[in-house]
PDB file of all heavy atoms in Angstrom:
ATOM      1  N   GLN A   1       0.816  -1.207   0.000  1.00  0.00           N
ATOM      2  CA  GLN A   1       0.000   0.000   0.000  1.00  0.00           C
ATOM      3  C   GLN A   1       0.851   1.259   0.000  1.00  0.00           C
ATOM      4  O   GLN A   1       0.522   2.236  -0.647  1.00  0.00           O
ATOM      5  CB  GLN A   1      -0.927  -0.003   1.219  1.00  0.00           C
ATOM      6  CG  GLN A   1      -1.874   1.166   1.262  1.00  0.00           C
ATOM      7  CD  GLN A   1      -2.857   1.172   0.098  1.00  0.00           C
ATOM      8  OE1 GLN A   1      -3.384   0.137  -0.274  1.00  0.00           O
ATOM      9  NE2 GLN A   1      -3.091   2.332  -0.471  1.00  0.00           N
ATOM     10  N   PHE A   2       1.943   1.221   0.755  1.00  0.00           N
ATOM     11  CA  PHE A   2       2.809   2.380   0.905  1.00  0.00           C
ATOM     12  C   PHE A   2       4.187   2.023   0.358  1.00  0.00           C
ATOM     13  O   PHE A   2       5.122   1.749   1.102  1.00  0.00           O
ATOM     14  CB  PHE A   2       2.894   2.805   2.373  1.00  0.00           C
ATOM     15  CG  PHE A   2       1.555   3.107   2.980  1.00  0.00           C
ATOM     16  CD1 PHE A   2       1.004   2.276   3.928  1.00  0.00           C
ATOM     17  CD2 PHE A   2       0.844   4.238   2.596  1.00  0.00           C
ATOM     18  CE1 PHE A   2      -0.228   2.557   4.497  1.00  0.00           C
ATOM     19  CE2 PHE A   2      -0.390   4.528   3.152  1.00  0.00           C
ATOM     20  CZ  PHE A   2      -0.930   3.684   4.105  1.00  0.00           C
ATOM     21  N   GLY A   3       4.305   2.007  -0.955  1.00  0.00           N
ATOM     22  CA  GLY A   3       5.502   1.534  -1.643  1.00  0.00           C
ATOM     23  C   GLY A   3       6.768   2.323  -1.379  1.00  0.00           C
ATOM     24  O   GLY A   3       7.861   1.839  -1.656  1.00  0.00           O
ATOM     25  N   LYS A   4       6.639   3.521  -0.838  1.00  0.00           N
ATOM     26  CA  LYS A   4       7.830   4.307  -0.540  1.00  0.00           C
ATOM     27  C   LYS A   4       8.519   3.845   0.746  1.00  0.00           C
ATOM     28  O   LYS A   4       9.636   4.263   1.017  1.00  0.00           O
ATOM     29  CB  LYS A   4       7.481   5.790  -0.424  1.00  0.00           C
ATOM     30  CG  LYS A   4       7.065   6.417  -1.738  1.00  0.00           C
ATOM     31  CD  LYS A   4       6.780   7.897  -1.579  1.00  0.00           C
ATOM     32  CE  LYS A   4       6.323   8.525  -2.877  1.00  0.00           C
ATOM     33  NZ  LYS A   4       6.026   9.961  -2.705  1.00  0.00           N
ATOM     34  N   LEU A   5       7.857   2.999   1.522  1.00  0.00           N
ATOM     35  CA  LEU A   5       8.485   2.471   2.734  1.00  0.00           C
ATOM     36  C   LEU A   5       9.508   1.420   2.353  1.00  0.00           C
ATOM     37  O   LEU A   5       9.223   0.517   1.564  1.00  0.00           O
ATOM     38  CB  LEU A   5       7.435   1.859   3.668  1.00  0.00           C
ATOM     39  CG  LEU A   5       6.395   2.811   4.253  1.00  0.00           C
ATOM     40  CD1 LEU A   5       5.381   2.032   5.077  1.00  0.00           C
ATOM     41  CD2 LEU A   5       7.043   3.900   5.081  1.00  0.00           C
ATOM     42  N   THR A   6      10.687   1.535   2.910  1.00  0.00           N
ATOM     43  CA  THR A   6      11.759   0.584   2.611  1.00  0.00           C
ATOM     44  C   THR A   6      11.702  -0.593   3.583  1.00  0.00           C
ATOM     45  O   THR A   6      10.996  -0.550   4.594  1.00  0.00           O
ATOM     46  CB  THR A   6      13.128   1.268   2.744  1.00  0.00           C
ATOM     47  OG1 THR A   6      13.327   1.615   4.118  1.00  0.00           O
ATOM     48  CG2 THR A   6      13.226   2.503   1.862  1.00  0.00           C
ATOM     49  N   ASP A   7      12.482  -1.626   3.275  1.00  0.00           N
ATOM     50  CA  ASP A   7      12.590  -2.758   4.193  1.00  0.00           C
ATOM     51  C   ASP A   7      13.127  -2.297   5.546  1.00  0.00           C
ATOM     52  O   ASP A   7      12.675  -2.770   6.591  1.00  0.00           O
ATOM     53  CB  ASP A   7      13.493  -3.852   3.612  1.00  0.00           C
ATOM     54  CG  ASP A   7      12.854  -4.559   2.428  1.00  0.00           C
ATOM     55  OD1 ASP A   7      11.608  -4.584   2.334  1.00  0.00           O
ATOM     56  OD2 ASP A   7      13.596  -5.090   1.589  1.00  0.00           O
ATOM     57  N   ASP A   8      14.084  -1.374   5.528  1.00  0.00           N
ATOM     58  CA  ASP A   8      14.615  -0.833   6.781  1.00  0.00           C
ATOM     59  C   ASP A   8      13.535  -0.095   7.560  1.00  0.00           C
ATOM     60  O   ASP A   8      13.479  -0.192   8.790  1.00  0.00           O
ATOM     61  CB  ASP A   8      15.799   0.095   6.521  1.00  0.00           C
ATOM     62  CG  ASP A   8      17.052  -0.649   6.090  1.00  0.00           C
ATOM     63  OD1 ASP A   8      17.143  -1.874   6.347  1.00  0.00           O
ATOM     64  OD2 ASP A   8      17.937  -0.015   5.493  1.00  0.00           O
ATOM     65  N   ASP A   9      12.675   0.644   6.854  1.00  0.00           N
ATOM     66  CA  ASP A   9      11.562   1.327   7.519  1.00  0.00           C
ATOM     67  C   ASP A   9      10.663   0.317   8.217  1.00  0.00           C
ATOM     68  O   ASP A   9      10.268   0.509   9.369  1.00  0.00           O
ATOM     69  CB  ASP A   9      10.718   2.120   6.509  1.00  0.00           C
ATOM     70  CG  ASP A   9      11.413   3.338   5.948  1.00  0.00           C
ATOM     71  OD1 ASP A   9      12.289   3.913   6.639  1.00  0.00           O
ATOM     72  OD2 ASP A   9      11.089   3.717   4.807  1.00  0.00           O
ATOM     73  N   LEU A  10      10.333  -0.754   7.504  1.00  0.00           N
ATOM     74  CA  LEU A  10       9.440  -1.764   8.072  1.00  0.00           C
ATOM     75  C   LEU A  10      10.054  -2.427   9.298  1.00  0.00           C
ATOM     76  O   LEU A  10       9.356  -2.708  10.271  1.00  0.00           O
ATOM     77  CB  LEU A  10       9.080  -2.803   7.015  1.00  0.00           C
ATOM     78  CG  LEU A  10       8.275  -2.263   5.836  1.00  0.00           C
ATOM     79  CD1 LEU A  10       8.101  -3.333   4.776  1.00  0.00           C
ATOM     80  CD2 LEU A  10       6.934  -1.718   6.280  1.00  0.00           C
ATOM     81  N   LEU A  11      11.359  -2.659   9.254  1.00  0.00           N
ATOM     82  CA  LEU A  11      12.031  -3.210  10.435  1.00  0.00           C
ATOM     83  C   LEU A  11      11.970  -2.234  11.599  1.00  0.00           C
ATOM     84  O   LEU A  11      11.719  -2.625  12.743  1.00  0.00           O
ATOM     85  CB  LEU A  11      13.485  -3.548  10.118  1.00  0.00           C
ATOM     86  CG  LEU A  11      13.737  -4.809   9.314  1.00  0.00           C
ATOM     87  CD1 LEU A  11      15.212  -4.903   8.918  1.00  0.00           C
ATOM     88  CD2 LEU A  11      13.325  -6.033  10.102  1.00  0.00           C
ATOM     89  N   GLU A  12      12.197  -0.966  11.308  1.00  0.00           N
ATOM     90  CA  GLU A  12      12.166   0.059  12.351  1.00  0.00           C
ATOM     91  C   GLU A  12      10.757   0.218  12.927  1.00  0.00           C
ATOM     92  O   GLU A  12      10.582   0.390  14.130  1.00  0.00           O
ATOM     93  CB  GLU A  12      12.645   1.394  11.791  1.00  0.00           C
ATOM     94  CG  GLU A  12      12.762   2.477  12.834  1.00  0.00           C
ATOM     95  CD  GLU A  12      13.281   3.782  12.256  1.00  0.00           C
ATOM     96  OE1 GLU A  12      13.889   3.777  11.165  1.00  0.00           O
ATOM     97  OE2 GLU A  12      13.063   4.812  12.911  1.00  0.00           O
ATOM     98  N   ILE A  13       9.755   0.156  12.064  1.00  0.00           N
ATOM     99  CA  ILE A  13       8.368   0.303  12.513  1.00  0.00           C
ATOM    100  C   ILE A  13       8.011  -0.815  13.476  1.00  0.00           C
ATOM    101  O   ILE A  13       7.485  -0.554  14.558  1.00  0.00           O
ATOM    102  CB  ILE A  13       7.402   0.333  11.309  1.00  0.00           C
ATOM    103  CG1 ILE A  13       7.642   1.594  10.490  1.00  0.00           C
ATOM    104  CG2 ILE A  13       5.951   0.232  11.772  1.00  0.00           C
ATOM    105  CD1 ILE A  13       7.009   1.585   9.112  1.00  0.00           C
ATOM    106  N   GLY A  14       8.292  -2.042  13.098  1.00  0.00           N
ATOM    107  CA  GLY A  14       8.093  -3.187  13.982  1.00  0.00           C
ATOM    108  C   GLY A  14       6.733  -3.264  14.641  1.00  0.00           C
ATOM    109  O   GLY A  14       6.613  -3.767  15.750  1.00  0.00           O
ATOM    110  N   GLY A  15       5.695  -2.755  13.986  1.00  0.00           N
ATOM    111  CA  GLY A  15       4.354  -2.803  14.553  1.00  0.00           C
ATOM    112  C   GLY A  15       3.993  -1.612  15.414  1.00  0.00           C
ATOM    113  O   GLY A  15       2.888  -1.537  15.933  1.00  0.00           O
ATOM    114  N   LYS A  16       4.921  -0.678  15.564  1.00  0.00           N
ATOM    115  CA  LYS A  16       4.646   0.518  16.377  1.00  0.00           C
ATOM    116  C   LYS A  16       3.918   1.546  15.518  1.00  0.00           C
ATOM    117  O   LYS A  16       4.478   2.097  14.575  1.00  0.00           O
ATOM    118  CB  LYS A  16       5.940   1.091  16.934  1.00  0.00           C
ATOM    119  CG  LYS A  16       6.644   0.152  17.895  1.00  0.00           C
ATOM    120  CD  LYS A  16       7.889   0.831  18.435  1.00  0.00           C
ATOM    121  CE  LYS A  16       9.036  -0.109  18.447  1.00  0.00           C
ATOM    122  NZ  LYS A  16       9.910  -0.206  17.335  1.00  0.00           N
ATOM    123  N   ILE A  17       2.682   1.789  15.856  1.00  0.00           N
ATOM    124  CA  ILE A  17       1.819   2.656  15.058  1.00  0.00           C
ATOM    125  C   ILE A  17       2.382   4.064  14.956  1.00  0.00           C
ATOM    126  O   ILE A  17       2.376   4.671  13.880  1.00  0.00           O
ATOM    127  CB  ILE A  17       0.389   2.690  15.647  1.00  0.00           C
ATOM    128  CG1 ILE A  17      -0.203   1.275  15.683  1.00  0.00           C
ATOM    129  CG2 ILE A  17      -0.496   3.642  14.869  1.00  0.00           C
ATOM    130  CD1 ILE A  17      -0.203   0.539  14.374  1.00  0.00           C
ATOM    131  N   GLU A  18       2.911   4.601  16.051  1.00  0.00           N
ATOM    132  CA  GLU A  18       3.429   5.971  16.018  1.00  0.00           C
ATOM    133  C   GLU A  18       4.629   6.091  15.087  1.00  0.00           C
ATOM    134  O   GLU A  18       4.831   7.123  14.438  1.00  0.00           O
ATOM    135  CB  GLU A  18       3.778   6.487  17.428  1.00  0.00           C
ATOM    136  CG  GLU A  18       4.883   5.743  18.123  1.00  0.00           C
ATOM    137  CD  GLU A  18       4.475   4.433  18.804  1.00  0.00           C
ATOM    138  OE1 GLU A  18       3.288   4.083  18.814  1.00  0.00           O
ATOM    139  OE2 GLU A  18       5.372   3.753  19.328  1.00  0.00           O
ATOM    140  N   VAL A  19       5.418   5.030  14.969  1.00  0.00           N
ATOM    141  CA  VAL A  19       6.561   5.050  14.048  1.00  0.00           C
ATOM    142  C   VAL A  19       6.062   4.964  12.607  1.00  0.00           C
ATOM    143  O   VAL A  19       6.563   5.670  11.729  1.00  0.00           O
ATOM    144  CB  VAL A  19       7.564   3.917  14.372  1.00  0.00           C
ATOM    145  CG1 VAL A  19       8.730   3.925  13.393  1.00  0.00           C
ATOM    146  CG2 VAL A  19       8.074   4.037  15.804  1.00  0.00           C
ATOM    147  N   LEU A  20       5.046   4.145  12.360  1.00  0.00           N
ATOM    148  CA  LEU A  20       4.445   4.060  11.027  1.00  0.00           C
ATOM    149  C   LEU A  20       3.898   5.417  10.605  1.00  0.00           C
ATOM    150  O   LEU A  20       4.142   5.872   9.483  1.00  0.00           O
ATOM    151  CB  LEU A  20       3.331   3.006  11.003  1.00  0.00           C
ATOM    152  CG  LEU A  20       2.516   2.885   9.711  1.00  0.00           C
ATOM    153  CD1 LEU A  20       3.406   2.618   8.510  1.00  0.00           C
ATOM    154  CD2 LEU A  20       1.446   1.818   9.857  1.00  0.00           C
ATOM    155  N   VAL A  21       3.213   6.097  11.503  1.00  0.00           N
ATOM    156  CA  VAL A  21       2.683   7.428  11.205  1.00  0.00           C
ATOM    157  C   VAL A  21       3.827   8.372  10.839  1.00  0.00           C
ATOM    158  O   VAL A  21       3.748   9.116   9.858  1.00  0.00           O
ATOM    159  CB  VAL A  21       1.858   7.964  12.395  1.00  0.00           C
ATOM    160  CG1 VAL A  21       1.563   9.450  12.235  1.00  0.00           C
ATOM    161  CG2 VAL A  21       0.563   7.183  12.548  1.00  0.00           C
ATOM    162  N   GLY A  22       4.891   8.340  11.612  1.00  0.00           N
ATOM    163  CA  GLY A  22       6.044   9.199  11.331  1.00  0.00           C
ATOM    164  C   GLY A  22       6.679   8.905   9.991  1.00  0.00           C
ATOM    165  O   GLY A  22       7.071   9.823   9.257  1.00  0.00           O
ATOM    166  N   LYS A  23       6.796   7.628   9.661  1.00  0.00           N
ATOM    167  CA  LYS A  23       7.383   7.255   8.361  1.00  0.00           C
ATOM    168  C   LYS A  23       6.499   7.709   7.203  1.00  0.00           C
ATOM    169  O   LYS A  23       6.996   8.123   6.159  1.00  0.00           O
ATOM    170  CB  LYS A  23       7.617   5.738   8.290  1.00  0.00           C
ATOM    171  CG  LYS A  23       8.708   5.248   9.212  1.00  0.00           C
ATOM    172  CD  LYS A  23      10.049   5.797   8.797  1.00  0.00           C
ATOM    173  CE  LYS A  23      11.154   5.286   9.680  1.00  0.00           C
ATOM    174  NZ  LYS A  23      12.454   5.869   9.333  1.00  0.00           N
ATOM    175  N   LEU A  24       5.178   7.626   7.379  1.00  0.00           N
ATOM    176  CA  LEU A  24       4.280   8.100   6.328  1.00  0.00           C
ATOM    177  C   LEU A  24       4.423   9.606   6.157  1.00  0.00           C
ATOM    178  O   LEU A  24       4.437  10.107   5.029  1.00  0.00           O
ATOM    179  CB  LEU A  24       2.827   7.733   6.651  1.00  0.00           C
ATOM    180  CG  LEU A  24       2.495   6.247   6.598  1.00  0.00           C
ATOM    181  CD1 LEU A  24       1.032   6.022   6.975  1.00  0.00           C
ATOM    182  CD2 LEU A  24       2.797   5.642   5.245  1.00  0.00           C
ATOM    183  N   GLN A  25       4.552  10.325   7.268  1.00  0.00           N
ATOM    184  CA  GLN A  25       4.777  11.773   7.180  1.00  0.00           C
ATOM    185  C   GLN A  25       6.066  12.065   6.416  1.00  0.00           C
ATOM    186  O   GLN A  25       6.106  12.953   5.560  1.00  0.00           O
ATOM    187  CB  GLN A  25       4.875  12.380   8.581  1.00  0.00           C
ATOM    188  CG  GLN A  25       3.563  12.474   9.312  1.00  0.00           C
ATOM    189  CD  GLN A  25       3.767  13.107  10.667  1.00  0.00           C
ATOM    190  OE1 GLN A  25       4.131  12.440  11.616  1.00  0.00           O
ATOM    191  NE2 GLN A  25       3.543  14.401  10.742  1.00  0.00           N
ATOM    192  N   GLU A  26       7.101  11.320   6.743  1.00  0.00           N
ATOM    193  CA  GLU A  26       8.420  11.539   6.146  1.00  0.00           C
ATOM    194  C   GLU A  26       8.426  11.232   4.649  1.00  0.00           C
ATOM    195  O   GLU A  26       8.900  12.034   3.841  1.00  0.00           O
ATOM    196  CB  GLU A  26       9.430  10.653   6.879  1.00  0.00           C
ATOM    197  CG  GLU A  26      10.833  10.714   6.365  1.00  0.00           C
ATOM    198  CD  GLU A  26      11.751   9.745   7.094  1.00  0.00           C
ATOM    199  OE1 GLU A  26      11.478   9.412   8.269  1.00  0.00           O
ATOM    200  OE2 GLU A  26      12.734   9.320   6.477  1.00  0.00           O
ATOM    201  N   HIS A  27       7.914  10.067   4.275  1.00  0.00           N
ATOM    202  CA  HIS A  27       8.024   9.615   2.884  1.00  0.00           C
ATOM    203  C   HIS A  27       6.950  10.190   1.959  1.00  0.00           C
ATOM    204  O   HIS A  27       7.157  10.269   0.753  1.00  0.00           O
ATOM    205  CB  HIS A  27       7.982   8.094   2.811  1.00  0.00           C
ATOM    206  CG  HIS A  27       9.212   7.430   3.349  1.00  0.00           C
ATOM    207  ND1 HIS A  27      10.436   7.521   2.731  1.00  0.00           N
ATOM    208  CD2 HIS A  27       9.406   6.676   4.466  1.00  0.00           C
ATOM    209  CE1 HIS A  27      11.334   6.842   3.426  1.00  0.00           C
ATOM    210  NE2 HIS A  27      10.721   6.327   4.488  1.00  0.00           N
ATOM    211  N   TYR A  28       5.789  10.530   2.533  1.00  0.00           N
ATOM    212  CA  TYR A  28       4.683  10.994   1.705  1.00  0.00           C
ATOM    213  C   TYR A  28       4.346  12.461   1.940  1.00  0.00           C
ATOM    214  O   TYR A  28       3.355  12.949   1.415  1.00  0.00           O
ATOM    215  CB  TYR A  28       3.436  10.132   1.950  1.00  0.00           C
ATOM    216  CG  TYR A  28       3.574   8.751   1.349  1.00  0.00           C
ATOM    217  CD1 TYR A  28       4.098   7.696   2.098  1.00  0.00           C
ATOM    218  CD2 TYR A  28       3.190   8.493   0.043  1.00  0.00           C
ATOM    219  CE1 TYR A  28       4.235   6.430   1.561  1.00  0.00           C
ATOM    220  CE2 TYR A  28       3.320   7.234  -0.515  1.00  0.00           C
ATOM    221  CZ  TYR A  28       3.847   6.208   0.255  1.00  0.00           C
ATOM    222  OH  TYR A  28       3.975   4.961  -0.298  1.00  0.00           O
ATOM    223  N   ASP A  29       5.152  13.150   2.729  1.00  0.00           N
ATOM    224  CA  ASP A  29       4.950  14.570   3.016  1.00  0.00           C
ATOM    225  C   ASP A  29       3.522  14.835   3.485  1.00  0.00           C
ATOM    226  O   ASP A  29       2.842  15.740   3.006  1.00  0.00           O
ATOM    227  CB  ASP A  29       5.290  15.419   1.787  1.00  0.00           C
ATOM    228  CG  ASP A  29       5.477  16.890   2.145  1.00  0.00           C
ATOM    229  OD1 ASP A  29       5.907  17.178   3.277  1.00  0.00           O
ATOM    230  OD2 ASP A  29       5.175  17.739   1.284  1.00  0.00           O
ATOM    231  N   MET A  30       3.068  14.005   4.421  1.00  0.00           N
ATOM    232  CA  MET A  30       1.725  14.122   4.981  1.00  0.00           C
ATOM    233  C   MET A  30       1.777  14.918   6.276  1.00  0.00           C
ATOM    234  O   MET A  30       2.786  14.912   6.981  1.00  0.00           O
ATOM    235  CB  MET A  30       1.158  12.744   5.335  1.00  0.00           C
ATOM    236  CG  MET A  30       0.882  11.828   4.201  1.00  0.00           C
ATOM    237  SD  MET A  30       0.237  10.265   4.849  1.00  0.00           S
ATOM    238  CE  MET A  30      -0.242   9.458   3.355  1.00  0.00           C
ATOM    239  N   SER A  31       0.658  15.533   6.595  1.00  0.00           N
ATOM    240  CA  SER A  31       0.520  16.138   7.920  1.00  0.00           C
ATOM    241  C   SER A  31       0.290  15.008   8.919  1.00  0.00           C
ATOM    242  O   SER A  31      -0.001  13.863   8.532  1.00  0.00           O
ATOM    243  CB  SER A  31      -0.668  17.098   7.950  1.00  0.00           C
ATOM    244  OG  SER A  31      -1.891  16.376   7.856  1.00  0.00           O
ATOM    245  N   LEU A  32       0.406  15.317  10.184  1.00  0.00           N
ATOM    246  CA  LEU A  32       0.152  14.318  11.225  1.00  0.00           C
ATOM    247  C   LEU A  32      -1.258  13.762  11.085  1.00  0.00           C
ATOM    248  O   LEU A  32      -1.466  12.544  11.152  1.00  0.00           O
ATOM    249  CB  LEU A  32       0.355  14.930  12.614  1.00  0.00           C
ATOM    250  CG  LEU A  32       0.032  14.033  13.804  1.00  0.00           C
ATOM    251  CD1 LEU A  32       0.930  12.803  13.812  1.00  0.00           C
ATOM    252  CD2 LEU A  32       0.164  14.801  15.109  1.00  0.00           C
ATOM    253  N   GLU A  33      -2.213  14.635  10.856  1.00  0.00           N
ATOM    254  CA  GLU A  33      -3.607  14.206  10.739  1.00  0.00           C
ATOM    255  C   GLU A  33      -3.818  13.297   9.532  1.00  0.00           C
ATOM    256  O   GLU A  33      -4.543  12.309   9.616  1.00  0.00           O
ATOM    257  CB  GLU A  33      -4.533  15.431  10.647  1.00  0.00           C
ATOM    258  CG  GLU A  33      -4.577  16.265  11.908  1.00  0.00           C
ATOM    259  CD  GLU A  33      -3.367  17.196  12.070  1.00  0.00           C
ATOM    260  OE1 GLU A  33      -2.648  17.468  11.072  1.00  0.00           O
ATOM    261  OE2 GLU A  33      -3.130  17.644  13.205  1.00  0.00           O
ATOM    262  N   GLU A  34      -3.180  13.619   8.410  1.00  0.00           N
ATOM    263  CA  GLU A  34      -3.313  12.788   7.215  1.00  0.00           C
ATOM    264  C   GLU A  34      -2.706  11.407   7.435  1.00  0.00           C
ATOM    265  O   GLU A  34      -3.287  10.395   7.030  1.00  0.00           O
ATOM    266  CB  GLU A  34      -2.625  13.450   6.022  1.00  0.00           C
ATOM    267  CG  GLU A  34      -3.324  14.696   5.511  1.00  0.00           C
ATOM    268  CD  GLU A  34      -2.497  15.447   4.482  1.00  0.00           C
ATOM    269  OE1 GLU A  34      -1.253  15.485   4.603  1.00  0.00           O
ATOM    270  OE2 GLU A  34      -3.116  16.008   3.556  1.00  0.00           O
TER     271      GLU A  34
END
């Protein structure tokens, strides 16, 4: 779904929702709410 996430990102996320949100902000230039 989020092809800009790298394998390293997925390892770092490790199921932590707040980290996933941060990575989406970083890679997709989203606001926190988005």
